[in-house]
N, C-alpha and C. Protein backbone atom coordinates (compact mmCIF):
# COMPACT_ATOMS: atom_id res chain seq x y z
N MET A 1 -20.43 25.30 -30.06
CA MET A 1 -21.27 24.35 -29.36
C MET A 1 -21.15 23.00 -30.07
N GLU A 2 -20.87 21.98 -29.28
CA GLU A 2 -20.87 20.65 -29.86
C GLU A 2 -21.31 19.64 -28.81
N GLY A 3 -21.88 18.57 -29.26
CA GLY A 3 -22.33 17.52 -28.37
C GLY A 3 -22.19 16.18 -29.03
N LYS A 4 -22.10 15.15 -28.21
CA LYS A 4 -21.93 13.81 -28.74
C LYS A 4 -23.25 13.06 -28.85
N HIS A 5 -24.12 13.22 -27.89
CA HIS A 5 -25.36 12.45 -27.86
C HIS A 5 -26.42 13.12 -28.76
N PRO A 6 -27.27 12.32 -29.41
CA PRO A 6 -28.31 12.90 -30.28
C PRO A 6 -29.23 13.90 -29.58
N TYR A 7 -29.54 13.70 -28.30
CA TYR A 7 -30.38 14.65 -27.58
C TYR A 7 -29.69 16.01 -27.49
N VAL A 8 -28.40 15.98 -27.22
CA VAL A 8 -27.63 17.22 -27.08
C VAL A 8 -27.44 17.87 -28.45
N LYS A 9 -27.16 17.08 -29.46
CA LYS A 9 -27.03 17.63 -30.82
C LYS A 9 -28.32 18.34 -31.23
N TRP A 10 -29.46 17.73 -30.90
CA TRP A 10 -30.75 18.34 -31.21
C TRP A 10 -30.91 19.66 -30.45
N ALA A 11 -30.59 19.67 -29.16
CA ALA A 11 -30.71 20.90 -28.36
C ALA A 11 -29.82 22.00 -28.93
N ILE A 12 -28.61 21.64 -29.33
CA ILE A 12 -27.68 22.63 -29.90
C ILE A 12 -28.22 23.19 -31.21
N GLU A 13 -28.71 22.32 -32.07
CA GLU A 13 -29.28 22.77 -33.35
C GLU A 13 -30.43 23.74 -33.11
N VAL A 14 -31.28 23.41 -32.16
CA VAL A 14 -32.42 24.26 -31.81
C VAL A 14 -31.94 25.62 -31.32
N ILE A 15 -31.00 25.62 -30.37
CA ILE A 15 -30.50 26.88 -29.79
C ILE A 15 -29.84 27.73 -30.86
N GLU A 16 -28.95 27.13 -31.65
CA GLU A 16 -28.24 27.91 -32.67
C GLU A 16 -29.22 28.53 -33.67
N ASN A 17 -30.19 27.76 -34.12
CA ASN A 17 -31.16 28.26 -35.08
C ASN A 17 -31.99 29.39 -34.47
N TYR A 18 -32.40 29.21 -33.22
CA TYR A 18 -33.24 30.22 -32.57
C TYR A 18 -32.45 31.51 -32.31
N ILE A 19 -31.22 31.39 -31.84
CA ILE A 19 -30.42 32.58 -31.53
C ILE A 19 -30.02 33.31 -32.81
N LYS A 20 -29.60 32.57 -33.83
CA LYS A 20 -29.13 33.20 -35.07
C LYS A 20 -30.26 33.74 -35.94
N TYR A 21 -31.38 33.01 -36.01
CA TYR A 21 -32.43 33.34 -36.98
C TYR A 21 -33.79 33.65 -36.36
N GLY A 22 -33.91 33.46 -35.03
CA GLY A 22 -35.17 33.75 -34.36
C GLY A 22 -36.30 32.80 -34.70
N LYS A 23 -35.96 31.59 -35.16
CA LYS A 23 -36.98 30.64 -35.57
C LYS A 23 -36.85 29.32 -34.83
N LYS A 24 -38.01 28.74 -34.49
CA LYS A 24 -38.05 27.40 -33.92
C LYS A 24 -37.94 26.38 -35.05
N ILE A 25 -37.09 25.40 -34.86
CA ILE A 25 -36.97 24.32 -35.84
C ILE A 25 -38.20 23.42 -35.71
N GLU A 26 -38.72 23.02 -36.84
CA GLU A 26 -39.83 22.06 -36.84
C GLU A 26 -39.29 20.67 -36.52
N ILE A 27 -40.12 19.84 -35.94
CA ILE A 27 -39.74 18.46 -35.64
C ILE A 27 -39.66 17.70 -36.96
N ARG A 28 -38.54 17.00 -37.16
CA ARG A 28 -38.31 16.26 -38.41
C ARG A 28 -38.49 14.76 -38.19
N ASP A 29 -38.92 14.08 -39.22
CA ASP A 29 -39.11 12.63 -39.15
C ASP A 29 -37.80 11.87 -39.01
N ASN A 30 -36.67 12.49 -39.38
CA ASN A 30 -35.39 11.76 -39.34
C ASN A 30 -34.70 11.86 -37.98
N LEU A 31 -35.37 12.42 -36.98
CA LEU A 31 -34.80 12.41 -35.63
C LEU A 31 -34.86 10.99 -35.08
N PRO A 32 -34.00 10.66 -34.11
CA PRO A 32 -34.05 9.32 -33.52
C PRO A 32 -35.45 8.99 -32.99
N ASP A 33 -35.81 7.71 -33.12
CA ASP A 33 -37.16 7.26 -32.74
C ASP A 33 -37.54 7.65 -31.32
N ASP A 34 -36.58 7.53 -30.37
CA ASP A 34 -36.95 7.83 -28.98
C ASP A 34 -37.27 9.31 -28.79
N LEU A 35 -36.68 10.19 -29.58
CA LEU A 35 -37.06 11.60 -29.50
C LEU A 35 -38.49 11.82 -29.99
N LEU A 36 -38.88 11.05 -30.98
CA LEU A 36 -40.20 11.21 -31.58
C LEU A 36 -41.30 10.46 -30.83
N ASN A 37 -40.94 9.35 -30.19
CA ASN A 37 -41.95 8.46 -29.61
C ASN A 37 -42.00 8.45 -28.09
N LYS A 38 -41.00 8.99 -27.44
CA LYS A 38 -40.94 8.95 -25.97
C LYS A 38 -41.46 10.26 -25.39
N ARG A 39 -42.24 10.16 -24.32
CA ARG A 39 -42.63 11.34 -23.55
C ARG A 39 -41.85 11.31 -22.24
N ALA A 40 -41.20 12.41 -21.91
CA ALA A 40 -40.45 12.48 -20.66
C ALA A 40 -40.19 13.94 -20.32
N ALA A 41 -40.07 14.19 -19.04
CA ALA A 41 -39.64 15.51 -18.57
C ALA A 41 -38.14 15.63 -18.81
N CYS A 42 -37.67 16.85 -18.99
CA CYS A 42 -36.23 17.03 -19.18
C CYS A 42 -35.82 18.44 -18.77
N PHE A 43 -34.53 18.57 -18.52
CA PHE A 43 -33.90 19.87 -18.29
C PHE A 43 -32.80 20.04 -19.33
N VAL A 44 -32.66 21.25 -19.83
CA VAL A 44 -31.53 21.60 -20.70
C VAL A 44 -30.70 22.62 -19.93
N THR A 45 -29.40 22.31 -19.79
CA THR A 45 -28.50 23.15 -19.02
C THR A 45 -27.39 23.66 -19.92
N LEU A 46 -27.08 24.95 -19.79
CA LEU A 46 -26.00 25.58 -20.54
C LEU A 46 -24.92 26.01 -19.55
N HIS A 47 -23.68 25.68 -19.88
CA HIS A 47 -22.53 26.13 -19.09
C HIS A 47 -21.55 26.85 -20.00
N LYS A 48 -20.88 27.85 -19.46
CA LYS A 48 -19.75 28.44 -20.17
C LYS A 48 -18.61 27.43 -20.16
N LEU A 49 -17.63 27.61 -21.02
CA LEU A 49 -16.51 26.67 -21.09
C LEU A 49 -15.74 26.60 -19.78
N ASN A 50 -15.79 27.68 -18.97
CA ASN A 50 -15.09 27.67 -17.67
C ASN A 50 -15.90 26.95 -16.59
N GLY A 51 -17.09 26.43 -16.96
CA GLY A 51 -17.91 25.69 -16.02
C GLY A 51 -19.03 26.49 -15.37
N ASP A 52 -19.03 27.80 -15.53
CA ASP A 52 -20.08 28.63 -14.93
C ASP A 52 -21.43 28.34 -15.59
N LEU A 53 -22.47 28.28 -14.78
CA LEU A 53 -23.82 28.09 -15.30
C LEU A 53 -24.20 29.27 -16.18
N ARG A 54 -24.86 29.00 -17.30
CA ARG A 54 -25.30 30.05 -18.22
C ARG A 54 -26.81 30.03 -18.46
N GLY A 55 -27.46 28.94 -18.05
CA GLY A 55 -28.91 28.83 -18.19
C GLY A 55 -29.35 27.41 -17.91
N CYS A 56 -30.52 27.27 -17.33
CA CYS A 56 -31.05 25.94 -17.04
C CYS A 56 -32.56 26.04 -16.88
N ILE A 57 -33.28 25.35 -17.74
CA ILE A 57 -34.74 25.34 -17.69
C ILE A 57 -35.21 23.92 -17.98
N GLY A 58 -36.28 23.53 -17.31
CA GLY A 58 -36.79 22.20 -17.57
C GLY A 58 -38.18 21.98 -17.03
N THR A 59 -38.61 20.75 -17.17
CA THR A 59 -39.93 20.32 -16.71
C THR A 59 -39.76 19.11 -15.80
N ILE A 60 -40.66 18.97 -14.82
CA ILE A 60 -40.58 17.82 -13.92
C ILE A 60 -41.62 16.76 -14.27
N GLU A 61 -42.49 17.09 -15.19
CA GLU A 61 -43.43 16.14 -15.78
C GLU A 61 -43.49 16.47 -17.26
N PRO A 62 -43.71 15.48 -18.13
CA PRO A 62 -43.78 15.78 -19.56
C PRO A 62 -44.92 16.76 -19.85
N VAL A 63 -44.63 17.75 -20.67
CA VAL A 63 -45.61 18.76 -21.03
C VAL A 63 -46.06 18.58 -22.49
N TYR A 64 -45.15 18.11 -23.32
CA TYR A 64 -45.40 18.05 -24.76
C TYR A 64 -45.58 16.60 -25.24
N ASP A 65 -45.93 16.46 -26.51
CA ASP A 65 -46.25 15.15 -27.08
C ASP A 65 -45.06 14.20 -27.16
N ASN A 66 -43.86 14.75 -27.26
CA ASN A 66 -42.68 13.88 -27.34
C ASN A 66 -41.45 14.59 -26.81
N LEU A 67 -40.39 13.82 -26.65
CA LEU A 67 -39.15 14.34 -26.07
C LEU A 67 -38.49 15.37 -26.98
N ALA A 68 -38.66 15.25 -28.29
CA ALA A 68 -38.07 16.23 -29.21
C ALA A 68 -38.63 17.62 -28.94
N ILE A 69 -39.94 17.71 -28.75
CA ILE A 69 -40.55 19.02 -28.46
C ILE A 69 -40.15 19.48 -27.06
N GLU A 70 -40.13 18.57 -26.11
CA GLU A 70 -39.75 18.90 -24.73
C GLU A 70 -38.35 19.51 -24.70
N ILE A 71 -37.41 18.87 -25.40
CA ILE A 71 -36.04 19.38 -25.46
C ILE A 71 -36.01 20.71 -26.19
N ARG A 72 -36.71 20.81 -27.32
CA ARG A 72 -36.70 22.06 -28.10
C ARG A 72 -37.17 23.24 -27.25
N GLU A 73 -38.30 23.08 -26.58
CA GLU A 73 -38.86 24.18 -25.80
C GLU A 73 -37.97 24.55 -24.61
N ASN A 74 -37.42 23.55 -23.94
CA ASN A 74 -36.55 23.82 -22.79
C ASN A 74 -35.21 24.39 -23.22
N ALA A 75 -34.71 23.97 -24.37
CA ALA A 75 -33.44 24.51 -24.88
C ALA A 75 -33.59 26.00 -25.20
N ILE A 76 -34.66 26.36 -25.88
CA ILE A 76 -34.90 27.77 -26.19
C ILE A 76 -35.07 28.57 -24.90
N ALA A 77 -35.82 28.03 -23.96
CA ALA A 77 -36.04 28.74 -22.69
C ALA A 77 -34.74 28.89 -21.91
N ALA A 78 -33.91 27.85 -21.88
CA ALA A 78 -32.64 27.93 -21.14
C ALA A 78 -31.73 29.00 -21.75
N ALA A 79 -31.77 29.14 -23.07
CA ALA A 79 -30.92 30.11 -23.76
C ALA A 79 -31.47 31.53 -23.71
N THR A 80 -32.78 31.67 -23.54
CA THR A 80 -33.36 33.02 -23.69
C THR A 80 -34.22 33.50 -22.53
N ARG A 81 -34.68 32.57 -21.65
CA ARG A 81 -35.65 33.00 -20.65
C ARG A 81 -35.31 32.61 -19.21
N ASP A 82 -34.08 32.18 -18.96
CA ASP A 82 -33.68 31.93 -17.57
C ASP A 82 -33.49 33.31 -16.92
N TYR A 83 -34.34 33.64 -15.96
CA TYR A 83 -34.36 34.99 -15.38
C TYR A 83 -33.04 35.38 -14.72
N ARG A 84 -32.18 34.42 -14.44
CA ARG A 84 -30.91 34.73 -13.78
C ARG A 84 -29.87 35.29 -14.74
N PHE A 85 -30.12 35.19 -16.05
CA PHE A 85 -29.13 35.56 -17.05
C PHE A 85 -29.78 36.35 -18.18
N ASN A 86 -28.95 37.14 -18.87
CA ASN A 86 -29.38 37.76 -20.11
C ASN A 86 -29.50 36.66 -21.17
N PRO A 87 -30.31 36.88 -22.20
CA PRO A 87 -30.39 35.88 -23.27
C PRO A 87 -29.02 35.64 -23.91
N VAL A 88 -28.79 34.41 -24.31
CA VAL A 88 -27.55 34.05 -25.01
C VAL A 88 -27.51 34.81 -26.33
N THR A 89 -26.33 35.28 -26.70
CA THR A 89 -26.14 35.97 -27.97
C THR A 89 -25.40 35.06 -28.95
N ALA A 90 -25.47 35.40 -30.23
CA ALA A 90 -24.79 34.61 -31.26
C ALA A 90 -23.29 34.56 -31.00
N ASP A 91 -22.72 35.63 -30.46
CA ASP A 91 -21.28 35.67 -30.18
C ASP A 91 -20.87 34.66 -29.11
N GLU A 92 -21.79 34.25 -28.26
CA GLU A 92 -21.48 33.32 -27.17
C GLU A 92 -21.56 31.86 -27.57
N LEU A 93 -22.21 31.54 -28.67
CA LEU A 93 -22.56 30.16 -28.98
C LEU A 93 -21.36 29.21 -28.95
N ASP A 94 -20.21 29.65 -29.46
CA ASP A 94 -19.04 28.76 -29.49
C ASP A 94 -18.45 28.52 -28.11
N ASP A 95 -18.86 29.30 -27.13
CA ASP A 95 -18.30 29.20 -25.79
C ASP A 95 -19.27 28.59 -24.78
N ILE A 96 -20.25 27.85 -25.27
CA ILE A 96 -21.26 27.25 -24.39
C ILE A 96 -21.31 25.74 -24.60
N MET A 97 -21.39 25.02 -23.48
CA MET A 97 -21.59 23.57 -23.49
C MET A 97 -23.04 23.30 -23.09
N VAL A 98 -23.61 22.26 -23.67
CA VAL A 98 -25.01 21.92 -23.42
C VAL A 98 -25.10 20.51 -22.86
N SER A 99 -25.97 20.32 -21.88
CA SER A 99 -26.31 18.97 -21.42
C SER A 99 -27.83 18.86 -21.35
N VAL A 100 -28.30 17.64 -21.49
CA VAL A 100 -29.73 17.34 -21.41
C VAL A 100 -29.92 16.27 -20.35
N ASP A 101 -30.77 16.54 -19.38
CA ASP A 101 -31.14 15.56 -18.35
C ASP A 101 -32.57 15.10 -18.62
N VAL A 102 -32.74 13.79 -18.78
CA VAL A 102 -34.07 13.22 -18.93
C VAL A 102 -34.46 12.63 -17.58
N LEU A 103 -35.59 13.07 -17.05
CA LEU A 103 -36.00 12.73 -15.68
C LEU A 103 -36.87 11.48 -15.63
N SER A 104 -36.67 10.71 -14.56
CA SER A 104 -37.60 9.63 -14.25
C SER A 104 -38.86 10.25 -13.67
N GLU A 105 -39.88 9.44 -13.50
CA GLU A 105 -41.10 9.92 -12.86
C GLU A 105 -40.80 10.17 -11.38
N PRO A 106 -41.18 11.32 -10.83
CA PRO A 106 -40.92 11.60 -9.41
C PRO A 106 -41.66 10.62 -8.51
N GLU A 107 -41.01 10.27 -7.38
CA GLU A 107 -41.65 9.40 -6.39
C GLU A 107 -41.59 10.06 -5.02
N TYR A 108 -42.68 9.91 -4.28
CA TYR A 108 -42.79 10.49 -2.94
C TYR A 108 -41.75 9.86 -2.02
N VAL A 109 -41.16 10.69 -1.16
CA VAL A 109 -40.14 10.23 -0.23
C VAL A 109 -40.68 10.35 1.19
N GLU A 110 -40.63 9.26 1.92
CA GLU A 110 -41.09 9.24 3.32
C GLU A 110 -40.07 9.87 4.26
N SER A 111 -38.78 9.68 3.94
CA SER A 111 -37.72 10.09 4.86
C SER A 111 -36.54 10.66 4.08
N GLU A 112 -35.88 11.64 4.67
CA GLU A 112 -34.68 12.20 4.07
C GLU A 112 -33.58 11.14 3.92
N GLU A 113 -33.67 10.07 4.68
CA GLU A 113 -32.69 8.98 4.57
C GLU A 113 -32.75 8.30 3.21
N ASP A 114 -33.86 8.50 2.49
CA ASP A 114 -34.02 7.91 1.16
C ASP A 114 -33.46 8.80 0.06
N LEU A 115 -32.76 9.85 0.43
CA LEU A 115 -32.19 10.78 -0.54
C LEU A 115 -30.67 10.63 -0.61
N ASP A 116 -30.12 10.96 -1.76
CA ASP A 116 -28.68 11.03 -1.97
C ASP A 116 -28.46 12.03 -3.09
N PRO A 117 -27.83 13.18 -2.81
CA PRO A 117 -27.74 14.24 -3.81
C PRO A 117 -26.91 13.86 -5.04
N GLU A 118 -26.13 12.80 -4.95
CA GLU A 118 -25.38 12.34 -6.12
C GLU A 118 -26.25 11.50 -7.05
N ILE A 119 -27.27 10.86 -6.50
CA ILE A 119 -28.11 9.94 -7.27
C ILE A 119 -29.46 10.55 -7.62
N TYR A 120 -30.07 11.24 -6.66
CA TYR A 120 -31.44 11.72 -6.82
C TYR A 120 -31.52 13.24 -6.88
N GLY A 121 -32.34 13.74 -7.79
CA GLY A 121 -32.78 15.11 -7.73
C GLY A 121 -33.96 15.17 -6.78
N VAL A 122 -34.30 16.38 -6.34
CA VAL A 122 -35.42 16.53 -5.42
C VAL A 122 -36.41 17.58 -5.91
N ILE A 123 -37.66 17.35 -5.53
CA ILE A 123 -38.73 18.32 -5.71
C ILE A 123 -39.33 18.52 -4.33
N VAL A 124 -39.38 19.76 -3.87
CA VAL A 124 -40.03 20.06 -2.60
C VAL A 124 -41.31 20.83 -2.91
N VAL A 125 -42.39 20.48 -2.20
CA VAL A 125 -43.70 21.05 -2.48
C VAL A 125 -44.38 21.45 -1.18
N SER A 126 -44.87 22.69 -1.15
CA SER A 126 -45.69 23.16 -0.04
C SER A 126 -46.80 24.00 -0.65
N GLY A 127 -48.01 23.44 -0.68
CA GLY A 127 -49.11 24.15 -1.34
C GLY A 127 -48.79 24.31 -2.81
N TRP A 128 -48.83 25.54 -3.29
CA TRP A 128 -48.53 25.82 -4.69
C TRP A 128 -47.04 26.09 -4.93
N LYS A 129 -46.25 26.16 -3.86
CA LYS A 129 -44.81 26.41 -3.99
C LYS A 129 -44.09 25.12 -4.32
N LYS A 130 -43.14 25.22 -5.27
CA LYS A 130 -42.44 24.03 -5.71
C LYS A 130 -41.01 24.41 -6.08
N GLY A 131 -40.03 23.65 -5.59
CA GLY A 131 -38.63 23.87 -5.93
C GLY A 131 -38.00 22.58 -6.40
N VAL A 132 -37.11 22.69 -7.37
CA VAL A 132 -36.48 21.52 -7.98
C VAL A 132 -34.97 21.70 -7.97
N LEU A 133 -34.27 20.62 -7.69
CA LEU A 133 -32.81 20.62 -7.81
C LEU A 133 -32.38 19.29 -8.43
N LEU A 134 -31.60 19.39 -9.49
CA LEU A 134 -31.10 18.20 -10.17
C LEU A 134 -30.06 17.50 -9.31
N PRO A 135 -29.79 16.23 -9.57
CA PRO A 135 -28.76 15.51 -8.82
C PRO A 135 -27.36 15.81 -9.36
N ALA A 136 -26.36 15.41 -8.58
CA ALA A 136 -24.96 15.45 -9.00
C ALA A 136 -24.52 16.84 -9.46
N LEU A 137 -24.85 17.85 -8.65
CA LEU A 137 -24.44 19.21 -8.95
C LEU A 137 -23.19 19.56 -8.15
N ASP A 138 -22.26 20.28 -8.77
CA ASP A 138 -21.06 20.72 -8.08
C ASP A 138 -21.43 21.54 -6.86
N GLY A 139 -20.82 21.25 -5.73
CA GLY A 139 -21.03 22.01 -4.51
C GLY A 139 -22.23 21.59 -3.69
N VAL A 140 -23.01 20.64 -4.19
CA VAL A 140 -24.17 20.14 -3.44
C VAL A 140 -23.84 18.71 -3.04
N ASN A 141 -23.29 18.57 -1.82
CA ASN A 141 -22.75 17.28 -1.40
C ASN A 141 -23.56 16.58 -0.32
N THR A 142 -24.51 17.29 0.28
CA THR A 142 -25.30 16.69 1.36
C THR A 142 -26.79 16.83 1.07
N VAL A 143 -27.56 15.95 1.67
CA VAL A 143 -29.01 16.03 1.56
C VAL A 143 -29.50 17.35 2.12
N GLU A 144 -28.93 17.77 3.24
CA GLU A 144 -29.35 19.03 3.87
C GLU A 144 -29.15 20.21 2.93
N GLU A 145 -28.00 20.25 2.26
CA GLU A 145 -27.72 21.35 1.32
C GLU A 145 -28.68 21.29 0.13
N GLN A 146 -28.92 20.10 -0.38
CA GLN A 146 -29.82 19.93 -1.52
C GLN A 146 -31.23 20.42 -1.17
N LEU A 147 -31.73 20.02 -0.01
CA LEU A 147 -33.06 20.45 0.41
C LEU A 147 -33.11 21.94 0.70
N ARG A 148 -32.05 22.48 1.30
CA ARG A 148 -32.00 23.91 1.60
C ARG A 148 -32.13 24.73 0.32
N ILE A 149 -31.38 24.34 -0.71
CA ILE A 149 -31.42 25.08 -1.98
C ILE A 149 -32.78 24.93 -2.65
N ALA A 150 -33.31 23.71 -2.68
CA ALA A 150 -34.62 23.49 -3.31
C ALA A 150 -35.71 24.28 -2.60
N LYS A 151 -35.68 24.30 -1.26
CA LYS A 151 -36.68 25.07 -0.51
C LYS A 151 -36.52 26.56 -0.75
N LEU A 152 -35.30 27.04 -0.82
CA LEU A 152 -35.05 28.45 -1.09
C LEU A 152 -35.60 28.83 -2.47
N LYS A 153 -35.36 27.98 -3.46
CA LYS A 153 -35.88 28.24 -4.81
C LYS A 153 -37.40 28.31 -4.82
N ALA A 154 -38.04 27.52 -3.95
CA ALA A 154 -39.50 27.48 -3.89
C ALA A 154 -40.08 28.57 -3.01
N GLY A 155 -39.26 29.21 -2.20
CA GLY A 155 -39.79 30.16 -1.23
C GLY A 155 -40.44 29.47 -0.04
N ILE A 156 -39.97 28.26 0.26
CA ILE A 156 -40.47 27.51 1.41
C ILE A 156 -39.51 27.76 2.57
N PHE A 157 -40.04 28.26 3.67
CA PHE A 157 -39.17 28.59 4.79
C PHE A 157 -39.49 27.71 6.00
N SER A 158 -40.53 28.01 6.74
CA SER A 158 -40.81 27.23 7.95
C SER A 158 -42.02 26.32 7.80
N GLU A 159 -42.76 26.45 6.71
CA GLU A 159 -43.97 25.65 6.54
C GLU A 159 -43.63 24.19 6.21
N PRO A 160 -44.54 23.27 6.50
CA PRO A 160 -44.30 21.87 6.17
C PRO A 160 -44.25 21.67 4.65
N TYR A 161 -43.54 20.65 4.22
CA TYR A 161 -43.40 20.39 2.79
C TYR A 161 -43.26 18.89 2.54
N GLU A 162 -43.58 18.51 1.32
CA GLU A 162 -43.40 17.14 0.87
C GLU A 162 -42.15 17.07 0.01
N ILE A 163 -41.54 15.89 -0.02
CA ILE A 163 -40.33 15.68 -0.83
C ILE A 163 -40.60 14.56 -1.83
N TYR A 164 -40.19 14.81 -3.05
CA TYR A 164 -40.20 13.80 -4.10
C TYR A 164 -38.78 13.68 -4.64
N ARG A 165 -38.43 12.50 -5.10
CA ARG A 165 -37.10 12.31 -5.69
C ARG A 165 -37.26 11.76 -7.10
N PHE A 166 -36.21 11.96 -7.88
CA PHE A 166 -36.18 11.44 -9.24
C PHE A 166 -34.73 11.19 -9.63
N THR A 167 -34.53 10.36 -10.62
CA THR A 167 -33.20 10.15 -11.18
C THR A 167 -33.17 10.83 -12.55
N VAL A 168 -31.97 10.99 -13.07
CA VAL A 168 -31.82 11.55 -14.41
C VAL A 168 -30.86 10.69 -15.23
N GLU A 169 -31.08 10.72 -16.52
CA GLU A 169 -30.09 10.25 -17.47
C GLU A 169 -29.50 11.53 -18.05
N ARG A 170 -28.21 11.76 -17.80
CA ARG A 170 -27.56 13.01 -18.22
C ARG A 170 -26.74 12.77 -19.48
N TYR A 171 -26.98 13.61 -20.46
CA TYR A 171 -26.31 13.47 -21.76
C TYR A 171 -25.50 14.72 -22.08
N PHE A 172 -24.35 14.51 -22.70
CA PHE A 172 -23.47 15.62 -23.09
C PHE A 172 -23.22 15.60 -24.59
């Protein structure tokens, strides 16, 4: 596992330490200031070297005091608690790529015309049901496909729903 951006390096350090030793790394004062001082929602995504998804967990609103904790908790969850996959093992670590998406604040969308799956992620909401899809995903080329997947993830079928959009800063 290797990454160029400090957010990704932090996520990798967290994952490797947790998988190898079963321990959460404490937040250190020598982390970049924005990790320590910024609050933001984020997703941590793991891919195999062949490009296959291996785990993805995140938040759509900040949950923790700073981005360092947000990344740490989502990195551990992506590696160990994504229900679609078995937990990552120590033997897999060298064969996994990590990315971190930092989300903008979601904004309500009046019309599907205000969406673009390359630029905006979506959140669909119907009552307590909520589905999220990040932007710029392979194979998601239309607004219709993006909304279909997000609604499916939420279990929204024929009932009315609201749409919110957000942008991401994606780091590798």
